[in-house]
C-alpha atoms as a PDB file:
ATOM      1  CA  MET A   1       3.608 -31.609   5.336  1.00  0.00           C
ATOM      2  CA  ARG A   2       0.413 -30.347   3.696  1.00  0.00           C
ATOM      3  CA  GLU A   3       0.653 -27.269   1.500  1.00  0.00           C
ATOM      4  CA  LEU A   4      -2.214 -24.785   1.411  1.00  0.00           C
ATOM      5  CA  LYS A   5      -2.879 -22.969  -1.836  1.00  0.00           C
ATOM      6  CA  ILE A   6      -4.687 -19.746  -2.563  1.00  0.00           C
ATOM      7  CA  THR A   7      -7.099 -20.044  -5.462  1.00  0.00           C
ATOM      8  CA  PRO A   8      -6.432 -18.002  -8.590  1.00  0.00           C
ATOM      9  CA  ILE A   9      -8.494 -14.919  -9.357  1.00  0.00           C
ATOM     10  CA  LYS A  10     -10.029 -14.200 -12.755  1.00  0.00           C
ATOM     11  CA  ASN A  11      -9.642 -10.403 -12.701  1.00  0.00           C
ATOM     12  CA  GLY A  12      -8.095  -8.207 -10.046  1.00  0.00           C
ATOM     13  CA  THR A  13      -4.873  -7.363  -8.253  1.00  0.00           C
ATOM     14  CA  VAL A  14      -2.197  -9.359  -6.462  1.00  0.00           C
ATOM     15  CA  ILE A  15       0.077  -7.482  -4.079  1.00  0.00           C
ATOM     16  CA  ASP A  16       3.100  -9.677  -3.377  1.00  0.00           C
ATOM     17  CA  HIS A  17       6.378  -9.239  -1.490  1.00  0.00           C
ATOM     18  CA  ILE A  18       4.711  -7.246   1.266  1.00  0.00           C
ATOM     19  CA  GLY A  19       6.894  -7.083   4.364  1.00  0.00           C
ATOM     20  CA  ASN A  20       6.082  -9.769   6.924  1.00  0.00           C
ATOM     21  CA  GLY A  21       3.116  -8.790   9.087  1.00  0.00           C
ATOM     22  CA  LEU A  22       1.912  -5.842   6.982  1.00  0.00           C
ATOM     23  CA  ALA A  23      -0.882  -7.497   4.943  1.00  0.00           C
ATOM     24  CA  LEU A  24      -3.627  -6.190   7.222  1.00  0.00           C
ATOM     25  CA  GLU A  25      -2.315  -2.633   6.824  1.00  0.00           C
ATOM     26  CA  VAL A  26      -2.335  -3.101   3.041  1.00  0.00           C
ATOM     27  CA  LEU A  27      -5.978  -4.235   3.293  1.00  0.00           C
ATOM     28  CA  ARG A  28      -6.736  -1.070   5.234  1.00  0.00           C
ATOM     29  CA  ILE A  29      -5.061   1.057   2.547  1.00  0.00           C
ATOM     30  CA  ILE A  30      -6.894  -0.531  -0.357  1.00  0.00           C
ATOM     31  CA  GLY A  31     -10.220  -0.138   1.423  1.00  0.00           C
ATOM     32  CA  VAL A  32     -11.380  -3.727   1.615  1.00  0.00           C
ATOM     33  CA  ARG A  33     -14.721  -2.539   3.045  1.00  0.00           C
ATOM     34  CA  GLU A  34     -15.431  -0.735  -0.230  1.00  0.00           C
ATOM     35  CA  LEU A  35     -15.266  -3.947  -2.272  1.00  0.00           C
ATOM     36  CA  ASP A  36     -18.172  -5.541  -4.038  1.00  0.00           C
ATOM     37  CA  LYS A  37     -19.684  -8.219  -1.789  1.00  0.00           C
ATOM     38  CA  ASP A  38     -18.981 -10.845  -4.469  1.00  0.00           C
ATOM     39  CA  SER A  39     -15.246 -10.066  -4.657  1.00  0.00           C
ATOM     40  CA  SER A  40     -12.974 -12.615  -3.092  1.00  0.00           C
ATOM     41  CA  VAL A  41     -10.025 -11.512  -0.969  1.00  0.00           C
ATOM     42  CA  SER A  42      -7.143 -13.835  -0.093  1.00  0.00           C
ATOM     43  CA  VAL A  43      -4.515 -12.965   2.480  1.00  0.00           C
ATOM     44  CA  ALA A  44      -1.384 -14.975   3.158  1.00  0.00           C
ATOM     45  CA  ILE A  45       0.655 -13.902   6.177  1.00  0.00           C
ATOM     46  CA  HIS A  46       4.128 -15.128   7.070  1.00  0.00           C
ATOM     47  CA  VAL A  47       4.867 -16.993   3.833  1.00  0.00           C
ATOM     48  CA  ARG A  48       8.417 -18.177   3.163  1.00  0.00           C
ATOM     49  CA  SER A  49      10.159 -16.062   0.507  1.00  0.00           C
ATOM     50  CA  GLY A  50      13.535 -16.571  -1.118  1.00  0.00           C
ATOM     51  CA  LYS A  51      13.879 -12.809  -1.609  1.00  0.00           C
ATOM     52  CA  LEU A  52      12.635 -11.460   1.752  1.00  0.00           C
ATOM     53  CA  GLY A  53      12.837 -14.427   4.113  1.00  0.00           C
ATOM     54  CA  TRP A  54       9.171 -13.999   5.051  1.00  0.00           C
ATOM     55  CA  LYS A  55       6.472 -12.036   3.284  1.00  0.00           C
ATOM     56  CA  ASP A  56       2.735 -11.419   3.062  1.00  0.00           C
ATOM     57  CA  ILE A  57       0.497 -11.597  -0.023  1.00  0.00           C
ATOM     58  CA  VAL A  58      -2.892  -9.992  -0.725  1.00  0.00           C
ATOM     59  CA  LYS A  59      -5.133 -10.997  -3.655  1.00  0.00           C
ATOM     60  CA  VAL A  60      -8.246  -8.961  -4.402  1.00  0.00           C
ATOM     61  CA  GLU A  61     -10.712  -9.867  -7.098  1.00  0.00           C
ATOM     62  CA  SER A  62     -12.398  -7.151  -9.204  1.00  0.00           C
ATOM     63  CA  MET A  63     -10.133  -4.316  -8.063  1.00  0.00           C
ATOM     64  CA  GLU A  64      -7.343  -2.306  -9.633  1.00  0.00           C
ATOM     65  CA  LEU A  65      -5.526   0.161  -7.407  1.00  0.00           C
ATOM     66  CA  SER A  66      -5.525   3.922  -7.842  1.00  0.00           C
ATOM     67  CA  PRO A  67      -2.127   5.667  -7.986  1.00  0.00           C
ATOM     68  CA  ARG A  68      -2.862   7.143  -4.535  1.00  0.00           C
ATOM     69  CA  LYS A  69      -3.316   3.680  -3.009  1.00  0.00           C
ATOM     70  CA  VAL A  70      -0.152   2.414  -4.723  1.00  0.00           C
ATOM     71  CA  ASN A  71       1.762   5.363  -3.201  1.00  0.00           C
ATOM     72  CA  ALA A  72       0.428   4.517   0.260  1.00  0.00           C
ATOM     73  CA  ILE A  73       1.483   0.889  -0.169  1.00  0.00           C
ATOM     74  CA  ALA A  74       4.949   2.038  -1.296  1.00  0.00           C
ATOM     75  CA  LEU A  75       5.355   3.896   2.019  1.00  0.00           C
ATOM     76  CA  ILE A  76       4.824   0.823   4.194  1.00  0.00           C
ATOM     77  CA  ALA A  77       5.882  -1.938   1.776  1.00  0.00           C
ATOM     78  CA  PRO A  78       8.609  -0.601  -0.537  1.00  0.00           C
ATOM     79  CA  THR A  79       9.511  -4.144  -1.702  1.00  0.00           C
ATOM     80  CA  ALA A  80       5.956  -4.938  -2.853  1.00  0.00           C
ATOM     81  CA  THR A  81       5.072  -5.938  -6.386  1.00  0.00           C
ATOM     82  CA  ILE A  82       1.660  -5.348  -7.914  1.00  0.00           C
ATOM     83  CA  SER A  83       0.279  -7.666 -10.579  1.00  0.00           C
ATOM     84  CA  ILE A  84      -2.851  -6.910 -12.587  1.00  0.00           C
ATOM     85  CA  ILE A  85      -4.731 -10.111 -13.416  1.00  0.00           C
ATOM     86  CA  ARG A  86      -7.120 -10.411 -16.365  1.00  0.00           C
ATOM     87  CA  ASP A  87      -8.656 -13.724 -17.461  1.00  0.00           C
ATOM     88  CA  TYR A  88      -6.498 -15.582 -14.896  1.00  0.00           C
ATOM     89  CA  LYS A  89      -3.240 -14.267 -16.438  1.00  0.00           C
ATOM     90  CA  VAL A  90      -0.765 -11.655 -15.232  1.00  0.00           C
ATOM     91  CA  ARG A  91      -1.189  -8.819 -17.734  1.00  0.00           C
ATOM     92  CA  GLU A  92       0.994  -6.270 -15.933  1.00  0.00           C
ATOM     93  CA  LYS A  93       3.507  -6.563 -13.100  1.00  0.00           C
ATOM     94  CA  ARG A  94       5.457  -3.769 -11.472  1.00  0.00           C
ATOM     95  CA  VAL A  95       7.418  -3.001  -8.345  1.00  0.00           C
ATOM     96  CA  VAL A  96       5.932  -0.174  -6.297  1.00  0.00           C
ATOM     97  CA  ASP A  97       7.842   3.039  -6.811  1.00  0.00           C
ATOM     98  CA  LEU A  98       7.859   5.775  -4.218  1.00  0.00           C
ATOM     99  CA  PRO A  99       7.370   9.125  -5.989  1.00  0.00           C
ATOM    100  CA  SER A 100       9.224  12.248  -4.875  1.00  0.00           C
ATOM    101  CA  ARG A 101       5.940  13.808  -3.608  1.00  0.00           C
ATOM    102  CA  ILE A 102       3.061  12.138  -1.756  1.00  0.00           C
ATOM    103  CA  VAL A 103      -0.279  13.994  -1.995  1.00  0.00           C
ATOM    104  CA  GLY A 104      -3.425  13.211  -0.011  1.00  0.00           C
ATOM    105  CA  VAL A 105      -2.197   9.908   1.436  1.00  0.00           C
ATOM    106  CA  LEU A 106      -1.092  10.944   4.946  1.00  0.00           C
ATOM    107  CA  ARG A 107      -2.233  13.412   7.570  1.00  0.00           C
ATOM    108  CA  CYS A 108       0.465  15.693   8.912  1.00  0.00           C
ATOM    109  CA  PRO A 109       1.276  14.836  12.550  1.00  0.00           C
ATOM    110  CA  ASN A 110       1.445  18.556  13.356  1.00  0.00           C
ATOM    111  CA  PRO A 111      -2.064  19.477  14.601  1.00  0.00           C
ATOM    112  CA  THR A 112      -1.495  23.155  13.742  1.00  0.00           C
ATOM    113  CA  CYS A 113      -0.403  22.462  10.146  1.00  0.00           C
ATOM    114  CA  ILE A 114      -2.618  24.195   7.604  1.00  0.00           C
ATOM    115  CA  SER A 115      -3.326  20.819   5.985  1.00  0.00           C
ATOM    116  CA  ASN A 116      -5.118  19.798   9.216  1.00  0.00           C
ATOM    117  CA  GLN A 117      -7.293  22.929   9.296  1.00  0.00           C
ATOM    118  CA  PRO A 118     -10.665  23.282   7.588  1.00  0.00           C
ATOM    119  CA  GLU A 119      -8.949  24.559   4.447  1.00  0.00           C
ATOM    120  CA  PRO A 120      -9.577  23.134   0.973  1.00  0.00           C
ATOM    121  CA  ILE A 121      -6.060  21.714   0.568  1.00  0.00           C
ATOM    122  CA  GLU A 122      -4.681  18.203   0.564  1.00  0.00           C
ATOM    123  CA  SER A 123      -1.700  17.122   2.602  1.00  0.00           C
ATOM    124  CA  GLU A 124       1.535  17.071   0.668  1.00  0.00           C
ATOM    125  CA  PHE A 125       4.867  15.536   1.612  1.00  0.00           C
ATOM    126  CA  GLU A 126       8.274  15.463  -0.021  1.00  0.00           C
ATOM    127  CA  VAL A 127      10.347  12.289   0.193  1.00  0.00           C
ATOM    128  CA  THR A 128      13.503  13.496   1.937  1.00  0.00           C
ATOM    129  CA  ASP A 129      15.081  10.066   2.557  1.00  0.00           C
ATOM    130  CA  ARG A 130      14.376   6.753   0.848  1.00  0.00           C
ATOM    131  CA  ARG A 131      16.134   4.254   3.152  1.00  0.00           C
ATOM    132  CA  PRO A 132      14.541   4.376   5.592  1.00  0.00           C
ATOM    133  CA  VAL A 133      11.707   6.431   4.118  1.00  0.00           C
ATOM    134  CA  VAL A 134      11.293   9.844   5.721  1.00  0.00           C
ATOM    135  CA  LEU A 135       8.824  12.445   4.507  1.00  0.00           C
ATOM    136  CA  THR A 136       8.680  16.192   5.150  1.00  0.00           C
ATOM    137  CA  CYS A 137       5.421  18.141   5.121  1.00  0.00           C
ATOM    138  CA  ALA A 138       5.416  20.691   2.300  1.00  0.00           C
ATOM    139  CA  PHE A 139       3.514  23.169   4.496  1.00  0.00           C
ATOM    140  CA  CYS A 140       5.025  23.030   7.993  1.00  0.00           C
ATOM    141  CA  GLU A 141       8.222  21.007   7.352  1.00  0.00           C
ATOM    142  CA  ARG A 142       7.382  18.383  10.023  1.00  0.00           C
ATOM    143  CA  ARG A 143       9.261  15.145   9.361  1.00  0.00           C
ATOM    144  CA  VAL A 144       7.330  11.863   9.350  1.00  0.00           C
ATOM    145  CA  ASP A 145       8.679   8.321   9.498  1.00  0.00           C
ATOM    146  CA  ASP A 146       5.765   6.532  11.198  1.00  0.00           C
ATOM    147  CA  PHE A 147       3.282   6.237   8.338  1.00  0.00           C
ATOM    148  CA  LEU A 148       0.802   3.704   9.701  1.00  0.00           C
ATOM    149  CA  ARG A 149      -0.528   6.117  12.336  1.00  0.00           C
ATOM    150  CA  HIS A 150      -0.939   8.927   9.823  1.00  0.00           C
ATOM    151  CA  LEU A 151      -2.574   7.275   6.814  1.00  0.00           C
ATOM    152  CA  ALA A 152      -5.508   9.392   5.655  1.00  0.00           C
END
């Protein structure tokens, strides 16, 4: 059997241990359209993993993630690890960590919530359960557990 390899990146970010089938959602979160046209992006979907069974991997050259994007990834891929690559070496590696409050990452599903009105406020959610993850809107108390549909 032939093994396919993903080429190393010189500088950038590797998001590993993404739940099987969620790599494209991670690409949406990190804003792959905003990348420099010379940045390479590698995506591996349905890769065998000793830890998860099956996983996805995303490698993005010339990008380091903002805390807001890391929080969004933590919502949909709580087992993910993020490695910062510099000069082809892993300089920093961490497991995503879901904070107790999520600000500006999701839209509240309640259309009448003040965070959905033309007010100068950002959405804000409290993490009320961690397994499975459930959030509660800080303004209207609507509970959210389907994050993909509500990513800002």
